[in-house]
N, C-alpha and C. Protein backbone atom coordinates (compact mmCIF):
# COMPACT_ATOMS: atom_id res chain seq x y z
N MET A 1 0.67 -1.17 0.04
CA MET A 1 0.03 0.00 -0.01
C MET A 1 0.95 1.24 -0.02
N GLU A 2 0.52 2.19 -0.90
CA GLU A 2 1.35 3.37 -0.80
C GLU A 2 1.08 4.11 0.52
N HIS A 3 2.21 4.68 1.04
CA HIS A 3 2.04 5.30 2.36
C HIS A 3 1.06 6.52 2.30
N LYS A 4 1.02 7.40 1.37
CA LYS A 4 0.07 8.45 1.47
C LYS A 4 -1.37 7.92 1.39
N THR A 5 -1.70 6.81 1.20
CA THR A 5 -3.10 6.40 0.87
C THR A 5 -3.51 5.69 2.28
N SER A 6 -2.48 5.51 3.13
CA SER A 6 -3.06 4.81 4.28
C SER A 6 -3.96 5.55 5.37
N LEU A 7 -4.89 5.06 5.85
CA LEU A 7 -5.85 5.79 6.69
C LEU A 7 -5.13 6.32 7.76
N GLY A 8 -4.23 5.96 8.41
CA GLY A 8 -3.56 6.40 9.49
C GLY A 8 -2.82 7.65 9.17
N PHE A 9 -2.08 7.56 7.93
CA PHE A 9 -1.33 8.79 7.49
C PHE A 9 -2.27 9.79 7.26
N LEU A 10 -3.39 9.64 6.48
CA LEU A 10 -4.38 10.79 6.10
C LEU A 10 -5.02 11.50 7.32
N ILE A 11 -5.36 10.50 8.41
CA ILE A 11 -6.11 11.11 9.56
C ILE A 11 -4.84 11.90 10.35
N THR A 12 -3.72 11.20 10.42
CA THR A 12 -2.63 12.07 11.32
C THR A 12 -2.29 13.43 10.41
N ASP A 13 -2.19 13.28 9.17
CA ASP A 13 -1.89 14.61 8.51
C ASP A 13 -2.95 15.63 8.50
N ALA A 14 -4.43 15.23 8.36
CA ALA A 14 -5.51 16.20 8.45
C ALA A 14 -5.41 16.72 9.83
N ALA A 15 -5.26 15.77 10.85
CA ALA A 15 -5.26 16.48 12.27
C ALA A 15 -4.16 17.34 12.37
N ARG A 16 -2.95 17.22 12.13
CA ARG A 16 -1.72 18.04 12.04
C ARG A 16 -2.12 19.30 11.39
N LEU A 17 -2.67 19.37 10.18
CA LEU A 17 -3.01 20.57 9.43
C LEU A 17 -4.06 21.40 10.20
N LEU A 18 -5.09 20.82 10.78
CA LEU A 18 -6.13 21.47 11.45
C LEU A 18 -5.53 22.01 12.61
N ARG A 19 -4.67 21.26 13.47
CA ARG A 19 -4.00 22.07 14.59
C ARG A 19 -3.22 23.27 14.26
N ARG A 20 -2.51 23.15 13.26
CA ARG A 20 -1.71 24.11 12.68
C ARG A 20 -2.64 25.53 12.34
N ARG A 21 -3.58 25.17 11.63
CA ARG A 21 -4.60 26.25 11.30
C ARG A 21 -5.28 26.92 12.58
N PHE A 22 -5.60 26.08 13.49
CA PHE A 22 -6.13 26.62 14.66
C PHE A 22 -5.12 27.33 15.48
N GLU A 23 -3.94 26.83 15.59
CA GLU A 23 -2.71 27.55 16.23
C GLU A 23 -2.49 28.94 15.57
N GLN A 24 -2.65 29.08 14.34
CA GLN A 24 -2.30 30.39 13.69
C GLN A 24 -3.47 31.26 13.88
N SER A 25 -4.69 30.70 13.81
CA SER A 25 -5.90 31.55 13.84
C SER A 25 -6.27 31.97 15.27
N SER A 26 -5.74 31.24 16.35
CA SER A 26 -6.07 31.54 17.61
C SER A 26 -5.41 32.82 18.16
N ARG A 27 -4.31 33.09 17.51
CA ARG A 27 -3.42 34.22 17.91
C ARG A 27 -4.26 35.53 17.93
N GLN A 28 -5.39 35.55 17.18
CA GLN A 28 -6.16 36.90 17.17
C GLN A 28 -7.01 36.85 18.50
N PHE A 29 -7.18 35.83 19.38
CA PHE A 29 -7.62 35.83 20.66
C PHE A 29 -6.71 36.04 21.69
N GLY A 30 -5.33 36.03 21.24
CA GLY A 30 -4.34 36.18 22.38
C GLY A 30 -4.10 34.91 23.05
N MET A 31 -4.67 33.78 22.45
CA MET A 31 -4.53 32.40 23.07
C MET A 31 -3.90 31.47 22.19
N THR A 32 -3.67 30.31 22.78
CA THR A 32 -3.20 29.14 21.95
C THR A 32 -4.31 28.24 21.45
N ALA A 33 -4.04 27.37 20.64
CA ALA A 33 -5.22 26.60 20.13
C ALA A 33 -5.64 25.60 21.23
N ALA A 34 -4.54 25.23 21.99
CA ALA A 34 -5.07 24.36 23.19
C ALA A 34 -5.87 25.11 24.22
N GLN A 35 -5.62 26.32 24.34
CA GLN A 35 -6.51 27.18 25.27
C GLN A 35 -7.84 27.45 24.74
N LEU A 36 -8.06 27.69 23.46
CA LEU A 36 -9.32 27.74 22.81
C LEU A 36 -10.00 26.45 23.04
N HIS A 37 -9.30 25.28 22.76
CA HIS A 37 -9.85 23.85 22.99
C HIS A 37 -10.41 23.88 24.28
N ILE A 38 -9.72 24.24 25.32
CA ILE A 38 -10.11 24.05 26.73
C ILE A 38 -11.28 24.94 27.03
N LEU A 39 -11.27 26.10 26.56
CA LEU A 39 -12.51 26.97 26.84
C LEU A 39 -13.62 26.41 25.98
N GLY A 40 -13.67 25.96 24.91
CA GLY A 40 -14.67 25.19 24.08
C GLY A 40 -15.15 23.99 24.94
N ARG A 41 -14.24 23.23 25.51
CA ARG A 41 -14.70 22.00 26.26
C ARG A 41 -15.51 22.43 27.61
N LEU A 42 -14.89 23.43 28.32
CA LEU A 42 -15.45 23.90 29.55
C LEU A 42 -16.77 24.46 29.10
N SER A 43 -16.99 24.96 27.99
CA SER A 43 -18.40 25.54 27.80
C SER A 43 -19.46 24.56 27.64
N LYS A 44 -19.03 23.24 27.56
CA LYS A 44 -19.92 22.08 27.44
C LYS A 44 -20.15 21.32 28.77
N ILE A 45 -18.91 21.29 29.56
CA ILE A 45 -18.78 20.61 30.79
C ILE A 45 -18.30 21.56 31.92
N GLU A 46 -18.92 22.54 32.07
CA GLU A 46 -18.45 23.49 33.12
C GLU A 46 -18.63 22.98 34.59
N GLY A 47 -17.52 23.06 35.39
CA GLY A 47 -17.63 22.52 36.64
C GLY A 47 -16.80 21.33 36.90
N ILE A 48 -16.03 20.87 35.82
CA ILE A 48 -15.34 19.77 35.94
C ILE A 48 -13.92 20.22 36.64
N ASN A 49 -12.99 19.23 37.26
CA ASN A 49 -11.82 19.63 37.93
C ASN A 49 -10.74 19.51 36.85
N GLN A 50 -9.62 19.89 37.12
CA GLN A 50 -8.58 19.90 36.33
C GLN A 50 -8.04 18.37 35.81
N ALA A 51 -8.08 17.55 36.79
CA ALA A 51 -7.68 16.14 36.44
C ALA A 51 -8.77 15.54 35.37
N GLY A 52 -10.02 15.81 35.59
CA GLY A 52 -11.00 15.34 34.73
C GLY A 52 -10.89 15.97 33.32
N LEU A 53 -10.60 17.22 33.29
CA LEU A 53 -10.41 17.91 32.05
C LEU A 53 -9.27 17.42 31.26
N ALA A 54 -8.04 17.06 32.16
CA ALA A 54 -6.85 16.64 31.34
C ALA A 54 -7.07 15.29 30.97
N ALA A 55 -7.87 14.41 31.53
CA ALA A 55 -8.24 13.08 31.07
C ALA A 55 -8.85 13.14 29.93
N LEU A 56 -10.10 13.97 29.80
CA LEU A 56 -10.96 14.28 28.83
C LEU A 56 -10.25 14.77 27.43
N LEU A 57 -9.38 15.55 27.67
CA LEU A 57 -8.46 16.11 26.58
C LEU A 57 -7.34 15.23 26.16
N ASP A 58 -7.00 14.28 26.88
CA ASP A 58 -6.03 13.40 26.70
C ASP A 58 -4.63 14.32 26.69
N MET A 59 -4.50 15.07 27.66
CA MET A 59 -3.30 15.88 28.00
C MET A 59 -2.73 15.76 29.38
N GLU A 60 -1.43 15.99 29.60
CA GLU A 60 -0.82 15.76 30.89
C GLU A 60 -1.45 16.66 31.76
N PRO A 61 -1.80 16.41 33.02
CA PRO A 61 -2.24 17.08 33.95
C PRO A 61 -1.54 18.52 34.07
N ILE A 62 -0.24 18.45 34.19
CA ILE A 62 0.74 19.75 34.26
C ILE A 62 0.52 20.49 33.24
N THR A 63 0.29 20.15 32.08
CA THR A 63 0.07 20.95 30.85
C THR A 63 -1.20 21.69 30.78
N VAL A 64 -2.26 20.91 31.27
CA VAL A 64 -3.56 21.59 31.44
C VAL A 64 -3.59 22.63 32.64
N CYS A 65 -2.74 22.27 33.61
CA CYS A 65 -2.67 23.37 34.68
C CYS A 65 -1.90 24.49 34.31
N ARG A 66 -0.98 24.38 33.43
CA ARG A 66 -0.28 25.69 33.07
C ARG A 66 -1.10 26.61 32.20
N HIS A 67 -1.95 25.89 31.20
CA HIS A 67 -3.03 26.56 30.47
C HIS A 67 -3.95 27.35 31.21
N VAL A 68 -4.35 26.45 32.27
CA VAL A 68 -5.67 27.00 33.13
C VAL A 68 -5.02 28.14 33.95
N ASP A 69 -3.61 28.03 34.51
CA ASP A 69 -3.12 29.34 35.16
C ASP A 69 -3.04 30.52 34.22
N ARG A 70 -2.62 30.26 32.95
CA ARG A 70 -2.65 31.48 32.25
C ARG A 70 -3.89 31.92 31.83
N MET A 71 -4.92 31.11 31.78
CA MET A 71 -6.39 31.54 31.35
C MET A 71 -7.00 32.19 32.58
N GLU A 72 -6.66 31.69 33.69
CA GLU A 72 -7.27 32.25 34.97
C GLU A 72 -6.72 33.77 35.04
N THR A 73 -5.34 33.72 34.90
CA THR A 73 -4.80 35.12 34.91
C THR A 73 -5.33 36.13 33.96
N ALA A 74 -5.61 35.59 32.75
CA ALA A 74 -6.23 36.58 31.61
C ALA A 74 -7.81 36.81 31.92
N GLY A 75 -8.37 36.08 32.98
CA GLY A 75 -9.68 36.44 33.27
C GLY A 75 -10.77 35.65 32.58
N LEU A 76 -10.26 34.65 31.91
CA LEU A 76 -11.10 33.76 30.95
C LEU A 76 -11.88 32.58 31.76
N ILE A 77 -11.17 32.13 32.80
CA ILE A 77 -11.79 30.97 33.63
C ILE A 77 -11.53 31.39 35.10
N GLU A 78 -12.03 30.51 35.77
CA GLU A 78 -12.03 30.69 37.20
C GLU A 78 -11.98 29.30 38.05
N ARG A 79 -11.29 29.12 39.02
CA ARG A 79 -11.23 28.00 39.82
C ARG A 79 -12.21 28.37 40.96
N ARG A 80 -13.09 27.18 41.42
CA ARG A 80 -13.83 27.45 42.54
C ARG A 80 -13.72 26.06 43.40
N GLN A 81 -14.00 26.28 44.57
CA GLN A 81 -13.91 25.24 45.60
C GLN A 81 -14.99 24.35 45.32
N ASP A 82 -14.80 23.17 45.32
CA ASP A 82 -16.05 22.23 45.04
C ASP A 82 -16.83 22.10 46.45
N PRO A 83 -18.06 22.39 46.48
CA PRO A 83 -18.77 22.30 47.86
C PRO A 83 -18.89 21.05 48.45
N ASN A 84 -18.68 20.09 47.83
CA ASN A 84 -18.68 18.71 48.32
C ASN A 84 -17.52 18.23 48.67
N ASP A 85 -16.30 18.73 48.20
CA ASP A 85 -14.97 18.37 48.67
C ASP A 85 -14.11 19.57 48.51
N ARG A 86 -13.59 19.97 49.80
CA ARG A 86 -12.86 21.19 49.81
C ARG A 86 -11.52 21.10 49.26
N ARG A 87 -11.01 19.77 48.98
CA ARG A 87 -9.73 19.73 48.30
C ARG A 87 -9.86 19.82 46.84
N VAL A 88 -10.93 19.81 46.29
CA VAL A 88 -11.17 19.78 44.91
C VAL A 88 -11.57 21.31 44.43
N ARG A 89 -11.01 21.67 43.32
CA ARG A 89 -11.39 22.97 42.68
C ARG A 89 -11.80 22.77 41.28
N THR A 90 -13.05 23.38 40.95
CA THR A 90 -13.64 23.09 39.88
C THR A 90 -13.43 24.36 38.84
N LEU A 91 -13.48 24.14 37.52
CA LEU A 91 -13.20 25.06 36.46
C LEU A 91 -14.50 25.67 35.88
N HIS A 92 -14.70 27.03 35.75
CA HIS A 92 -15.80 27.74 35.21
C HIS A 92 -15.28 28.90 34.53
N ILE A 93 -16.08 29.04 33.45
CA ILE A 93 -15.88 30.23 32.29
C ILE A 93 -16.34 31.52 33.10
N THR A 94 -15.62 32.49 32.80
CA THR A 94 -16.09 33.79 33.25
C THR A 94 -16.77 34.42 32.50
N ASP A 95 -17.36 35.72 32.65
CA ASP A 95 -18.24 36.41 31.62
C ASP A 95 -17.22 36.66 30.32
N LYS A 96 -16.05 37.12 30.67
CA LYS A 96 -15.01 37.68 29.89
C LYS A 96 -14.75 36.29 28.80
N GLY A 97 -14.54 35.12 29.35
CA GLY A 97 -14.48 33.99 28.59
C GLY A 97 -15.63 33.57 27.69
N ARG A 98 -16.89 33.77 28.39
CA ARG A 98 -18.08 33.45 27.61
C ARG A 98 -18.31 34.43 26.52
N GLU A 99 -17.81 35.62 26.39
CA GLU A 99 -17.89 36.63 25.40
C GLU A 99 -17.24 36.12 24.10
N LEU A 100 -16.16 35.39 24.33
CA LEU A 100 -15.32 34.83 23.25
C LEU A 100 -15.78 33.60 22.54
N LEU A 101 -16.89 32.91 23.13
CA LEU A 101 -17.25 31.72 22.57
C LEU A 101 -17.89 31.96 21.26
N PRO A 102 -18.73 32.70 20.99
CA PRO A 102 -19.42 32.94 19.55
C PRO A 102 -18.36 33.08 18.65
N ASP A 103 -17.34 34.05 18.90
CA ASP A 103 -16.26 34.24 17.78
C ASP A 103 -15.42 32.92 17.53
N MET A 104 -15.18 32.29 18.66
CA MET A 104 -14.34 31.01 18.67
C MET A 104 -15.18 30.04 17.84
N ARG A 105 -16.52 29.84 18.07
CA ARG A 105 -17.33 28.99 17.26
C ARG A 105 -17.13 29.39 15.81
N ASN A 106 -17.41 30.72 15.41
CA ASN A 106 -17.34 31.13 13.97
C ASN A 106 -15.94 30.68 13.34
N LEU A 107 -14.83 30.98 14.21
CA LEU A 107 -13.69 30.58 13.81
C LEU A 107 -13.38 29.15 13.34
N ALA A 108 -13.98 28.29 14.36
CA ALA A 108 -13.95 26.86 14.18
C ALA A 108 -14.82 26.46 12.82
N ASN A 109 -15.97 27.04 12.76
CA ASN A 109 -16.91 26.75 11.46
C ASN A 109 -16.07 27.18 10.26
N GLU A 110 -15.30 28.33 10.23
CA GLU A 110 -14.57 28.65 9.09
C GLU A 110 -13.60 27.84 8.81
N ILE A 111 -12.69 27.28 9.75
CA ILE A 111 -11.61 26.37 9.48
C ILE A 111 -12.19 24.95 8.88
N PHE A 112 -13.30 24.56 9.61
CA PHE A 112 -13.78 23.30 9.20
C PHE A 112 -14.33 23.43 7.89
N GLU A 113 -14.99 24.54 7.40
CA GLU A 113 -15.53 24.76 6.14
C GLU A 113 -14.45 24.66 5.04
N GLU A 114 -13.30 25.28 5.51
CA GLU A 114 -12.06 25.37 4.49
C GLU A 114 -11.55 24.02 4.37
N ALA A 115 -11.67 23.07 5.29
CA ALA A 115 -10.97 21.95 5.44
C ALA A 115 -11.97 21.00 4.48
N GLN A 116 -13.28 21.19 4.45
CA GLN A 116 -14.11 20.50 3.80
C GLN A 116 -14.34 21.09 2.37
N ASN A 117 -13.95 22.10 1.89
CA ASN A 117 -14.14 22.73 0.73
C ASN A 117 -14.19 21.78 -0.55
N GLY A 118 -15.23 21.65 -1.33
CA GLY A 118 -15.12 20.92 -2.49
C GLY A 118 -15.83 19.53 -2.27
N LEU A 119 -16.19 19.15 -1.02
CA LEU A 119 -16.83 18.04 -0.54
C LEU A 119 -18.35 18.33 -0.63
N PRO A 120 -19.08 17.48 -1.51
CA PRO A 120 -20.56 17.68 -1.29
C PRO A 120 -21.13 17.33 -0.03
N GLU A 121 -22.25 17.84 0.26
CA GLU A 121 -22.79 17.63 1.67
C GLU A 121 -23.01 16.29 1.93
N GLY A 122 -23.51 15.30 1.04
CA GLY A 122 -23.61 13.91 1.37
C GLY A 122 -22.13 13.36 1.60
N THR A 123 -21.30 13.73 1.08
CA THR A 123 -19.90 13.27 1.35
C THR A 123 -19.44 13.70 2.67
N ARG A 124 -19.65 14.95 3.09
CA ARG A 124 -19.28 15.53 4.28
C ARG A 124 -20.04 14.53 5.43
N ALA A 125 -21.24 14.33 5.27
CA ALA A 125 -22.08 13.46 6.21
C ALA A 125 -21.62 12.12 6.26
N THR A 126 -21.20 11.62 5.35
CA THR A 126 -20.49 10.30 5.24
C THR A 126 -19.19 10.24 6.03
N LEU A 127 -18.47 11.21 5.59
CA LEU A 127 -17.18 11.48 6.40
C LEU A 127 -17.30 11.52 7.92
N MET A 128 -18.19 12.35 8.38
CA MET A 128 -18.44 12.40 9.75
C MET A 128 -18.82 11.08 10.41
N THR A 129 -19.84 10.53 9.81
CA THR A 129 -20.32 9.09 10.22
C THR A 129 -19.10 8.12 10.41
N ALA A 130 -18.42 8.15 9.23
CA ALA A 130 -17.21 7.21 9.30
C ALA A 130 -16.17 7.59 10.39
N LEU A 131 -15.97 8.75 10.68
CA LEU A 131 -14.91 9.12 11.59
C LEU A 131 -15.50 8.88 13.01
N GLU A 132 -16.91 9.30 13.17
CA GLU A 132 -17.30 8.89 14.54
C GLU A 132 -17.33 7.46 14.79
N LYS A 133 -17.61 6.43 13.80
CA LYS A 133 -17.47 5.06 14.02
C LYS A 133 -16.15 4.66 14.22
N ILE A 134 -15.14 5.16 13.79
CA ILE A 134 -13.69 4.96 14.03
C ILE A 134 -13.41 5.33 15.39
N VAL A 135 -13.80 6.49 15.70
CA VAL A 135 -13.49 6.79 17.31
C VAL A 135 -14.21 5.84 18.13
N SER A 136 -15.53 5.54 17.81
CA SER A 136 -16.26 4.66 18.68
C SER A 136 -15.55 3.16 18.77
N ASN A 137 -14.99 2.69 17.62
CA ASN A 137 -14.44 1.38 17.56
C ASN A 137 -13.22 1.44 18.42
N LEU A 138 -12.39 2.58 18.50
CA LEU A 138 -11.19 2.65 19.25
C LEU A 138 -11.22 3.16 20.57
N SER A 139 -12.51 3.53 20.98
CA SER A 139 -12.59 4.11 22.35
C SER A 139 -12.28 3.08 23.49
N GLU A 140 -11.54 3.53 24.55
CA GLU A 140 -11.11 2.55 25.43
C GLU A 140 -12.21 2.27 26.62
N ARG A 141 -12.91 3.39 26.78
CA ARG A 141 -13.92 3.30 27.90
C ARG A 141 -15.36 3.35 27.37
N PRO A 142 -16.20 2.62 28.16
CA PRO A 142 -17.49 2.84 27.69
C PRO A 142 -18.02 4.34 27.90
N GLY A 143 -18.75 4.80 26.97
CA GLY A 143 -19.20 6.24 27.01
C GLY A 143 -18.13 7.21 26.50
N GLU A 144 -17.04 6.70 25.90
CA GLU A 144 -16.07 7.71 25.56
C GLU A 144 -16.21 7.97 24.01
N GLU A 145 -17.33 7.35 23.60
CA GLU A 145 -17.48 7.77 22.05
C GLU A 145 -17.41 9.28 21.85
N VAL A 146 -17.24 9.54 20.56
CA VAL A 146 -17.00 10.78 20.03
C VAL A 146 -18.34 11.57 20.20
N GLU A 147 -18.18 12.87 20.58
CA GLU A 147 -19.34 13.87 20.92
C GLU A 147 -19.77 14.29 19.31
N PRO A 148 -21.17 14.34 19.01
CA PRO A 148 -21.21 14.78 17.60
C PRO A 148 -20.81 16.03 17.47
N GLN A 149 -20.21 16.43 16.33
CA GLN A 149 -19.55 17.70 15.92
C GLN A 149 -20.13 18.12 14.52
N ARG A 150 -21.37 17.60 14.26
CA ARG A 150 -21.91 18.07 12.84
C ARG A 150 -21.99 19.58 12.90
N GLN A 151 -22.35 20.29 13.90
CA GLN A 151 -22.39 21.56 13.77
C GLN A 151 -21.15 22.38 13.95
N HIS A 152 -19.98 21.71 14.29
CA HIS A 152 -18.61 22.36 14.39
C HIS A 152 -18.85 23.48 15.53
N VAL A 153 -19.26 23.11 16.58
CA VAL A 153 -19.34 24.26 17.68
C VAL A 153 -18.30 24.23 18.60
N GLU A 154 -17.32 23.28 18.52
CA GLU A 154 -16.31 23.25 19.54
C GLU A 154 -14.96 23.85 18.90
N ALA A 155 -14.31 24.75 19.53
CA ALA A 155 -13.07 25.10 19.16
C ALA A 155 -12.02 24.30 19.39
């Protein structure tokens, strides 16, 4: 099999190019692509703790901690004490962070639209279904399946 036609190569290359585009575009918000991703995730699961967020994002906890520190300093998110466990602090988006969400979603939609340029709607739907199935097949934990992204709302 030719290397460029392998599924793994194409998925890896597409993901690399998407990450690069997000990294370039995220600069307009004064953030990294990872920070945009964190903010997007928190908009859906606000109140999660850092360890849970790190696991969800498949990132090292110390890396998430550094991003959260910077985002907290910038006033985008805040840590709050968990009312049920004083040792745990949960993450919440501030009003300033919430104001960025619509622009972030528009940016994500533009990038995803660019990535799918020239693909008919039916092909796009088939691609999404196939990728969701691949993720589901490879998920290690029950319930870890892909979140539907058909509306491209996550940065």
